[in-house]
Amino acid sequence: MDVHGTVAEGFEPVRDAFAGNFAALGDRGAAVAVYRDGRKVVDLWGGARDVDATDGAAGPPGTEPWRRGTAQVVRSATKGVAAAVPLLLHQRGELDLDAPVGEYWPEFKAHGKERVLVRHVLNHRAGLPVLDRPLSPEDALDPLRGPRAVAAQAPVWEPGTDHGYHALTYGWMLDELVRRVTGGRGAGEWIADEIARPLDLDLWVGLPAAEEAAGRAGRVGRLPEAEPTGGGPRLRPKRAVTEAYGDPASLTRRAFAAITPFPDQNDPAYRAAALPATNGVATADGLARFYAALIGDVDGVTRRVRLFDRATMERARAEESAGPDRVLVVGTRFGLGYMLHGSASPFLSPGSFGHPGRGGALGFADPEAGVAFGYVTNGFRKTVTADPRAQALVRAVRESLRRTGSDVDRV
């Protein structure tokens, strides 16, 4: 399998690890990009743009090659992109993170939710990870029905007292909150206008019809859980995690079943909808460039662009939730909308912040190292927060920093 693209001097370990993901970890089509101090130092892609040639299930790989501009659904890596919207609205003085959600969205107050603060939506402490009545795929794609369902839901724990991953409900709460604050502009539209366009990002929450017609998005699918070759470790989930995913009554199963059955992620209607928790479509460069702009200046279309000021960046990565996660059943750490470095979701260093996508994708930034990272793949695995392919690339970035003379001990 040929690897295409370029790496800057000293970042050759990333190219080696990327090739190794195909040889030892079963990747079929993927891309990785890394920025350092606002400059792209890694831009690699390889394999086929479609995980298979037919129906999205595990099967023979597609034959059309992955190209520089190939984009893929990045699942929950979307959350990190979407989180920038309320934080930027706060930065502009248009949204109070400590205000009750009901101040902006009165219907949300029902069933004891008047105590849910805006920050609880972002730090997964709202107590609303599940829906007692899951939505059908058709209802889930409707921009009104998801928020209405969350507004009608009672919390499953006292808001603010504990945390648990809001796998799908996060998106409906965030999207409706943004609509109420902006006078009707949803998170996907806001991202397109205020983030993607100024930075010339190949990144969408709601893939435009023109991009769909141009074939920008490859097909995604599930990969078989193959044993790694070359002496790599086999990762086994803890028994408690396995039991939680196997129990239909657990918060874990119910959180991921808030849409039942889950939509076909290759359906153009799914990619066209705006689900800020799960259906972003991005290239690796789009994801990495987005994170680069959160921590520093990046060349935009007409000017240098930096999205977060220093105070907002620190706010995004300040620990808000930590410890046993009531949904994921492992220890997790969250800032405001972003996962933080930890055993369940290792990034580059304790100062990193970002978000993985279930099954593979990853985007994050590390301000101390000046590094921004994006990895996208068309082959999903069972992993939720720490896919071995992405982790191999992160380790390679760390090795590259050593080679280029960075004090990696401080990151």
Protein backbone atom coordinates (compact mmCIF):
# COMPACT_ATOMS: atom_id res chain seq x y z
CA MET A 1 0.00 0.00 0.00
CA ASP A 2 1.46 3.34 -1.06
CA VAL A 3 1.52 6.28 1.35
CA HIS A 4 1.06 9.64 -0.34
CA GLY A 5 1.84 13.14 0.86
CA THR A 6 4.68 14.81 2.69
CA VAL A 7 6.30 15.16 6.10
CA ALA A 8 8.68 17.84 7.28
CA GLU A 9 12.21 16.85 8.28
CA GLY A 10 12.13 15.13 11.65
CA PHE A 11 8.54 13.91 11.32
CA GLU A 12 9.41 10.73 9.43
CA PRO A 13 8.23 8.58 12.41
CA VAL A 14 4.66 9.67 11.64
CA ARG A 15 4.96 8.40 8.08
CA ASP A 16 6.33 5.10 9.37
CA ALA A 17 3.52 4.73 11.91
CA PHE A 18 0.90 5.63 9.31
CA ALA A 19 2.19 2.91 6.97
CA GLY A 20 2.28 0.54 9.93
CA ASN A 21 -1.42 1.12 10.59
CA PHE A 22 -2.18 -0.45 7.21
CA ALA A 23 0.31 -3.28 7.60
CA ALA A 24 -0.36 -4.24 11.22
CA LEU A 25 -3.64 -2.67 12.34
CA GLY A 26 -5.88 -3.21 9.34
CA ASP A 27 -6.51 0.34 8.14
CA ARG A 28 -8.07 0.39 4.65
CA GLY A 29 -8.23 4.10 3.96
CA ALA A 30 -7.05 6.97 6.16
CA ALA A 31 -5.31 10.32 6.39
CA VAL A 32 -3.34 12.17 9.06
CA ALA A 33 -2.30 15.81 9.30
CA VAL A 34 -0.23 17.63 11.91
CA TYR A 35 0.38 21.35 12.36
CA ARG A 36 3.16 22.82 14.47
CA ASP A 37 3.07 26.51 15.37
CA GLY A 38 0.48 27.06 12.64
CA ARG A 39 2.53 25.36 9.90
CA LYS A 40 1.60 22.00 8.40
CA VAL A 41 4.37 19.46 9.02
CA VAL A 42 2.51 16.22 8.20
CA ASP A 43 0.05 15.65 5.35
CA LEU A 44 -0.39 11.94 4.53
CA TRP A 45 -3.07 9.74 3.03
CA GLY A 46 -3.38 6.24 1.65
CA GLY A 47 -5.59 3.29 0.84
CA ALA A 48 -9.07 3.34 -0.68
CA ARG A 49 -11.61 6.12 -0.21
CA ASP A 50 -14.39 3.55 0.44
CA VAL A 51 -14.01 0.93 3.14
CA ASP A 52 -15.71 -1.50 0.75
CA ALA A 53 -17.18 -1.47 -2.71
CA THR A 54 -20.78 -2.29 -1.84
CA ASP A 55 -22.80 -1.78 1.30
CA GLY A 56 -20.61 -0.35 4.08
CA ALA A 57 -20.29 -3.59 6.04
CA ALA A 58 -16.99 -5.35 6.48
CA GLY A 59 -16.04 -6.75 3.10
CA PRO A 60 -13.57 -6.35 0.26
CA PRO A 61 -11.91 -2.92 0.14
CA GLY A 62 -13.00 -0.37 -2.42
CA THR A 63 -10.85 0.26 -5.44
CA GLU A 64 -10.96 4.05 -5.87
CA PRO A 65 -7.91 5.56 -4.17
CA TRP A 66 -8.03 7.99 -1.28
CA ARG A 67 -7.01 11.42 -2.53
CA ARG A 68 -5.76 14.55 -0.79
CA GLY A 69 -9.26 16.01 -0.45
CA THR A 70 -11.11 12.85 0.61
CA ALA A 71 -13.34 13.51 3.62
CA GLN A 72 -15.04 11.06 5.96
CA VAL A 73 -17.66 11.01 8.70
CA VAL A 74 -15.71 11.54 11.94
CA ARG A 75 -18.42 10.57 14.43
CA SER A 76 -17.85 12.11 17.88
CA ALA A 77 -14.78 14.04 16.79
CA THR A 78 -17.58 16.36 15.66
CA LYS A 79 -18.17 17.28 19.31
CA GLY A 80 -14.87 19.10 19.60
CA VAL A 81 -15.64 21.20 16.53
CA ALA A 82 -19.16 21.95 17.74
CA ALA A 83 -17.92 22.93 21.22
CA ALA A 84 -16.11 25.90 19.70
CA VAL A 85 -19.44 27.52 18.84
CA PRO A 86 -20.78 28.19 22.38
CA LEU A 87 -17.27 29.03 23.55
CA LEU A 88 -16.84 31.61 20.79
CA LEU A 89 -20.30 32.99 21.52
CA HIS A 90 -19.19 33.38 25.14
CA GLN A 91 -15.95 35.00 23.98
CA ARG A 92 -18.04 37.52 22.06
CA GLY A 93 -20.24 38.24 25.08
CA GLU A 94 -23.36 36.62 23.61
CA LEU A 95 -23.65 33.56 25.86
CA ASP A 96 -23.19 33.13 29.62
CA LEU A 97 -21.70 29.73 30.43
CA ASP A 98 -23.02 29.93 34.00
CA ALA A 99 -26.60 30.79 33.03
CA PRO A 100 -29.34 28.16 33.15
CA VAL A 101 -30.05 26.70 29.72
CA GLY A 102 -33.71 27.56 30.33
CA GLU A 103 -32.92 31.28 30.22
CA TYR A 104 -32.24 30.87 26.50
CA TRP A 105 -34.53 27.91 25.85
CA PRO A 106 -37.59 28.16 28.16
CA GLU A 107 -39.11 24.81 27.10
CA PHE A 108 -35.99 23.07 28.40
CA LYS A 109 -36.88 23.80 32.03
CA ALA A 110 -39.42 20.95 32.26
CA HIS A 111 -38.94 18.01 34.66
CA GLY A 112 -36.44 19.62 36.98
CA LYS A 113 -34.02 20.84 34.32
CA GLU A 114 -34.17 24.46 35.43
CA ARG A 115 -30.90 23.76 37.30
CA VAL A 116 -29.01 22.67 34.16
CA LEU A 117 -26.41 25.31 33.32
CA VAL A 118 -24.91 25.96 29.90
CA ARG A 119 -21.57 24.61 31.15
CA HIS A 120 -23.30 21.35 32.16
CA VAL A 121 -24.14 20.71 28.51
CA LEU A 122 -20.46 21.03 27.61
CA ASN A 123 -18.94 19.14 30.55
CA HIS A 124 -21.38 16.19 30.39
CA ARG A 125 -22.93 16.94 33.79
CA ALA A 126 -26.47 17.72 32.59
CA GLY A 127 -27.81 14.31 33.62
CA LEU A 128 -29.41 13.83 30.20
CA PRO A 129 -27.43 11.15 28.35
CA VAL A 130 -30.48 9.05 27.45
CA LEU A 131 -33.97 9.38 26.00
CA ASP A 132 -36.75 7.30 27.54
CA ARG A 133 -38.23 7.18 24.04
CA PRO A 134 -35.45 6.80 21.48
CA LEU A 135 -35.82 8.64 18.20
CA SER A 136 -36.19 6.96 14.84
CA PRO A 137 -33.58 7.86 12.20
CA GLU A 138 -36.11 10.12 10.46
CA ASP A 139 -36.93 11.98 13.67
CA ALA A 140 -33.27 12.24 14.64
CA LEU A 141 -32.40 14.08 11.43
CA ASP A 142 -35.20 16.61 11.93
CA PRO A 143 -33.70 19.77 13.50
CA LEU A 144 -36.76 20.25 15.73
CA ARG A 145 -37.59 16.79 17.04
CA GLY A 146 -34.30 15.99 18.73
CA PRO A 147 -34.31 19.16 20.85
CA ARG A 148 -37.98 18.63 21.70
CA ALA A 149 -37.23 15.10 22.90
CA VAL A 150 -34.42 16.33 25.16
CA ALA A 151 -36.60 19.14 26.49
CA ALA A 152 -39.24 16.56 27.47
CA GLN A 153 -36.72 14.25 29.16
CA ALA A 154 -36.20 14.10 32.92
CA PRO A 155 -32.59 13.97 34.17
CA VAL A 156 -31.31 10.57 35.30
CA TRP A 157 -29.13 12.21 37.97
CA GLU A 158 -29.18 15.59 39.69
CA PRO A 159 -27.72 18.03 37.15
CA GLY A 160 -24.23 19.18 38.04
CA THR A 161 -23.56 16.48 40.62
CA ASP A 162 -21.92 13.82 38.42
CA HIS A 163 -20.76 13.28 34.86
CA GLY A 164 -21.44 10.79 32.11
CA TYR A 165 -20.85 10.96 28.37
CA HIS A 166 -23.82 12.45 26.49
CA ALA A 167 -23.10 10.53 23.30
CA LEU A 168 -26.01 11.80 21.19
CA THR A 169 -28.08 14.18 23.32
CA TYR A 170 -25.08 16.53 23.52
CA GLY A 171 -25.66 17.52 19.90
CA TRP A 172 -29.35 18.35 20.22
CA MET A 173 -28.80 20.43 23.36
CA LEU A 174 -25.89 22.34 21.86
CA ASP A 175 -27.60 22.93 18.52
CA GLU A 176 -30.83 24.26 20.02
CA LEU A 177 -28.95 26.45 22.49
CA VAL A 178 -26.99 27.98 19.62
CA ARG A 179 -30.21 28.56 17.66
CA ARG A 180 -31.81 30.35 20.59
CA VAL A 181 -28.78 32.58 21.13
CA THR A 182 -28.22 33.44 17.47
CA GLY A 183 -31.82 33.91 16.45
CA GLY A 184 -32.17 30.72 14.43
CA ARG A 185 -28.72 29.87 13.07
CA GLY A 186 -27.82 26.28 13.99
CA ALA A 187 -24.38 25.05 14.95
CA GLY A 188 -23.69 23.63 11.48
CA GLU A 189 -24.46 26.93 9.78
CA TRP A 190 -22.43 28.83 12.37
CA ILE A 191 -19.43 26.57 11.85
CA ALA A 192 -19.66 27.03 8.08
CA ASP A 193 -19.90 30.82 8.29
CA GLU A 194 -17.62 31.67 11.19
CA ILE A 195 -15.04 28.86 11.28
CA ALA A 196 -14.75 26.77 8.11
CA ARG A 197 -15.06 29.56 5.54
CA PRO A 198 -12.54 32.00 7.09
CA LEU A 199 -10.03 29.17 7.57
CA ASP A 200 -10.78 27.43 4.25
CA LEU A 201 -11.46 24.16 6.07
CA ASP A 202 -12.69 20.97 4.46
CA LEU A 203 -14.97 20.40 7.43
CA TRP A 204 -18.75 20.38 7.63
CA VAL A 205 -21.53 19.64 10.12
CA GLY A 206 -24.15 19.20 7.46
CA LEU A 207 -22.46 18.32 4.17
CA PRO A 208 -23.64 20.74 1.44
CA ALA A 209 -25.38 19.26 -1.60
CA ALA A 210 -22.63 20.51 -3.91
CA GLU A 211 -19.95 18.70 -1.90
CA GLU A 212 -22.05 15.54 -1.82
CA ALA A 213 -22.53 15.70 -5.59
CA ALA A 214 -18.79 16.18 -6.03
CA GLY A 215 -18.15 12.93 -4.17
CA ARG A 216 -16.14 14.53 -1.39
CA ALA A 217 -17.12 11.96 1.25
CA GLY A 218 -15.92 8.37 1.06
CA ARG A 219 -17.89 5.42 2.40
CA VAL A 220 -17.33 4.33 5.98
CA GLY A 221 -17.91 0.92 7.51
CA ARG A 222 -17.02 -1.43 10.32
CA LEU A 223 -13.76 -3.35 10.23
CA PRO A 224 -13.36 -6.84 11.65
CA GLU A 225 -11.58 -6.95 14.99
CA ALA A 226 -8.36 -8.45 13.69
CA GLU A 227 -5.40 -9.40 15.85
CA PRO A 228 -2.52 -6.93 15.37
CA THR A 229 0.57 -8.35 13.71
CA GLY A 230 4.19 -7.63 14.48
CA GLY A 231 3.90 -8.30 18.22
CA GLY A 232 1.46 -5.46 18.95
CA PRO A 233 -0.70 -5.69 22.08
CA ARG A 234 -4.23 -7.00 22.02
CA LEU A 235 -6.48 -4.62 23.93
CA ARG A 236 -9.26 -6.20 25.96
CA PRO A 237 -12.02 -4.10 27.52
CA LYS A 238 -12.59 -4.35 31.24
CA ARG A 239 -15.38 -6.70 32.31
CA ALA A 240 -17.48 -3.82 33.66
CA VAL A 241 -17.31 -2.09 30.28
CA THR A 242 -18.28 -5.25 28.40
CA GLU A 243 -21.19 -5.85 30.75
CA ALA A 244 -22.41 -2.25 30.44
CA TYR A 245 -22.49 -2.43 26.64
CA GLY A 246 -24.26 -5.78 26.84
CA ASP A 247 -27.03 -4.65 29.22
CA PRO A 248 -29.98 -3.02 27.38
CA ALA A 249 -31.00 -1.27 30.61
CA SER A 250 -27.59 0.32 31.31
CA LEU A 251 -26.97 4.01 30.81
CA THR A 252 -24.23 2.98 28.38
CA ARG A 253 -26.50 1.11 26.01
CA ARG A 254 -29.33 3.62 26.38
CA ALA A 255 -27.06 6.59 25.67
CA PHE A 256 -25.82 5.14 22.39
CA ALA A 257 -29.36 3.95 21.55
CA ALA A 258 -30.93 7.42 21.76
CA ILE A 259 -31.37 6.94 18.00
CA THR A 260 -32.73 3.46 17.23
CA PRO A 261 -31.82 2.06 14.78
CA PHE A 262 -28.82 4.20 14.03
CA PRO A 263 -28.92 5.84 10.58
CA ASP A 264 -26.85 4.65 7.65
CA GLN A 265 -23.78 6.89 7.87
CA ASN A 266 -23.27 6.62 4.10
CA ASP A 267 -26.76 7.96 3.37
CA PRO A 268 -26.55 11.45 1.80
CA ALA A 269 -29.53 12.51 3.93
CA TYR A 270 -27.58 11.63 7.07
CA ARG A 271 -24.49 13.54 5.96
CA ALA A 272 -26.62 16.55 4.97
CA ALA A 273 -28.24 16.84 8.39
CA ALA A 274 -26.56 18.76 11.21
CA LEU A 275 -25.99 16.50 14.22
CA PRO A 276 -23.25 18.29 16.20
CA ALA A 277 -22.60 15.20 18.33
CA THR A 278 -21.82 12.71 15.62
CA ASN A 279 -22.08 13.42 11.88
CA GLY A 280 -19.33 15.89 11.03
CA VAL A 281 -17.54 15.25 7.74
CA ALA A 282 -13.89 16.29 7.53
CA THR A 283 -10.52 15.73 5.99
CA ALA A 284 -7.60 15.10 8.32
CA ASP A 285 -6.22 18.49 7.32
CA GLY A 286 -9.55 20.18 8.06
CA LEU A 287 -9.62 18.68 11.54
CA ALA A 288 -5.98 19.49 12.31
CA ARG A 289 -6.20 23.00 10.89
CA PHE A 290 -9.28 23.68 13.03
CA TYR A 291 -7.38 22.75 16.18
CA ALA A 292 -4.35 24.76 15.06
CA ALA A 293 -6.58 27.83 14.93
CA LEU A 294 -7.81 27.20 18.48
CA ILE A 295 -4.29 27.67 19.87
CA GLY A 296 -2.60 30.08 17.49
CA ASP A 297 -2.64 32.00 14.24
CA VAL A 298 -3.23 30.06 11.02
CA ASP A 299 -3.25 31.44 7.50
CA GLY A 300 -6.87 31.91 6.46
CA VAL A 301 -8.50 32.90 3.21
CA THR A 302 -7.76 36.62 3.50
CA ARG A 303 -5.94 36.99 6.83
CA ARG A 304 -4.31 35.20 9.73
CA VAL A 305 -7.01 33.62 11.86
CA ARG A 306 -7.01 32.60 15.52
CA LEU A 307 -10.31 31.40 16.96
CA PHE A 308 -9.79 31.24 20.74
CA ASP A 309 -8.20 34.02 22.73
CA ARG A 310 -5.97 32.87 25.59
CA ALA A 311 -8.75 33.01 28.20
CA THR A 312 -11.13 30.92 26.07
CA MET A 313 -8.45 28.36 25.30
CA GLU A 314 -7.71 27.95 29.01
CA ARG A 315 -11.41 27.73 29.75
CA ALA A 316 -11.85 24.99 27.15
CA ARG A 317 -9.15 22.78 28.68
CA ALA A 318 -9.70 23.49 32.39
CA GLU A 319 -10.89 20.30 34.07
CA GLU A 320 -14.64 20.36 34.68
CA SER A 321 -15.38 16.64 35.08
CA ALA A 322 -13.10 13.79 36.12
CA GLY A 323 -13.37 10.28 37.48
CA PRO A 324 -15.70 7.34 36.83
CA ASP A 325 -17.96 8.12 33.88
CA ARG A 326 -21.53 6.94 34.45
CA VAL A 327 -21.96 6.15 30.75
CA LEU A 328 -18.55 5.03 29.49
CA VAL A 329 -17.78 3.14 32.74
CA VAL A 330 -14.14 4.22 32.73
CA GLY A 331 -12.41 7.25 34.15
CA THR A 332 -12.81 10.25 31.85
CA ARG A 333 -11.80 13.90 31.98
CA PHE A 334 -13.67 16.74 30.31
CA GLY A 335 -13.19 20.45 29.94
CA LEU A 336 -15.89 22.53 28.27
CA GLY A 337 -16.84 20.41 25.28
CA TYR A 338 -13.44 18.76 25.01
CA MET A 339 -12.00 15.53 26.34
CA LEU A 340 -8.75 16.03 28.22
CA HIS A 341 -5.64 13.86 28.24
CA GLY A 342 -6.01 10.81 30.45
CA SER A 343 -5.82 7.03 30.53
CA ALA A 344 -9.13 6.61 28.68
CA SER A 345 -8.23 9.13 25.99
CA PRO A 346 -4.46 9.72 25.72
CA PHE A 347 -3.38 12.73 23.72
CA LEU A 348 0.10 14.25 23.53
CA SER A 349 0.43 15.62 27.07
CA PRO A 350 -1.60 16.63 30.15
CA GLY A 351 -2.23 20.02 28.54
CA SER A 352 -3.83 18.59 25.37
CA PHE A 353 -7.53 18.93 24.61
CA GLY A 354 -9.62 17.51 21.78
CA HIS A 355 -12.09 14.78 20.95
CA PRO A 356 -11.98 11.25 19.52
CA GLY A 357 -14.61 9.78 17.27
CA ARG A 358 -15.96 6.36 18.17
CA GLY A 359 -14.11 3.77 16.14
CA GLY A 360 -11.14 5.77 14.93
CA ALA A 361 -11.06 9.51 14.22
CA LEU A 362 -9.19 11.92 16.46
CA GLY A 363 -8.54 15.65 16.62
CA PHE A 364 -6.72 17.57 19.34
CA ALA A 365 -4.43 20.48 20.14
CA ASP A 366 -1.52 20.82 22.53
CA PRO A 367 -0.75 24.47 23.26
CA GLU A 368 2.57 23.84 25.03
CA ALA A 369 3.95 21.89 22.06
CA GLY A 370 2.21 24.13 19.52
CA VAL A 371 0.83 20.96 17.92
CA ALA A 372 -2.54 20.29 16.30
CA PHE A 373 -3.48 16.82 15.08
CA GLY A 374 -6.15 15.27 12.84
CA TYR A 375 -6.70 11.63 11.86
CA VAL A 376 -9.65 10.31 9.86
CA THR A 377 -10.39 6.79 8.64
CA ASN A 378 -13.11 4.97 6.76
CA GLY A 379 -12.78 1.81 8.86
CA PHE A 380 -14.45 1.88 12.27
CA ARG A 381 -13.51 -0.41 15.13
CA LYS A 382 -15.21 -0.96 18.50
CA THR A 383 -12.99 1.53 20.29
CA VAL A 384 -14.72 4.58 21.79
CA THR A 385 -11.95 6.87 23.06
CA ALA A 386 -8.50 5.42 22.29
CA ASP A 387 -8.19 3.71 18.93
CA PRO A 388 -4.80 1.93 18.51
CA ARG A 389 -4.27 3.44 15.04
CA ALA A 390 -4.63 7.01 16.28
CA GLN A 391 -2.54 6.23 19.34
CA ALA A 392 0.29 4.88 17.18
CA LEU A 393 0.32 8.18 15.31
CA VAL A 394 0.29 10.25 18.52
CA ARG A 395 3.30 8.30 19.81
CA ALA A 396 5.04 9.00 16.51
CA VAL A 397 4.34 12.73 16.85
CA ARG A 398 5.92 12.62 20.31
CA GLU A 399 8.99 10.88 18.88
CA SER A 400 9.17 13.47 16.10
CA LEU A 401 9.17 16.29 18.64
CA ARG A 402 12.15 14.65 20.32
CA ARG A 403 13.94 14.44 16.97
CA THR A 404 13.31 18.10 16.23
CA GLY A 405 14.72 19.22 19.55
CA SER A 406 11.54 19.89 21.51
CA ASP A 407 11.58 19.54 25.27
CA VAL A 408 8.97 16.78 25.25
CA ASP A 409 9.24 16.42 29.01
CA ARG A 410 7.42 19.72 29.36
CA VAL A 411 4.59 18.50 27.13
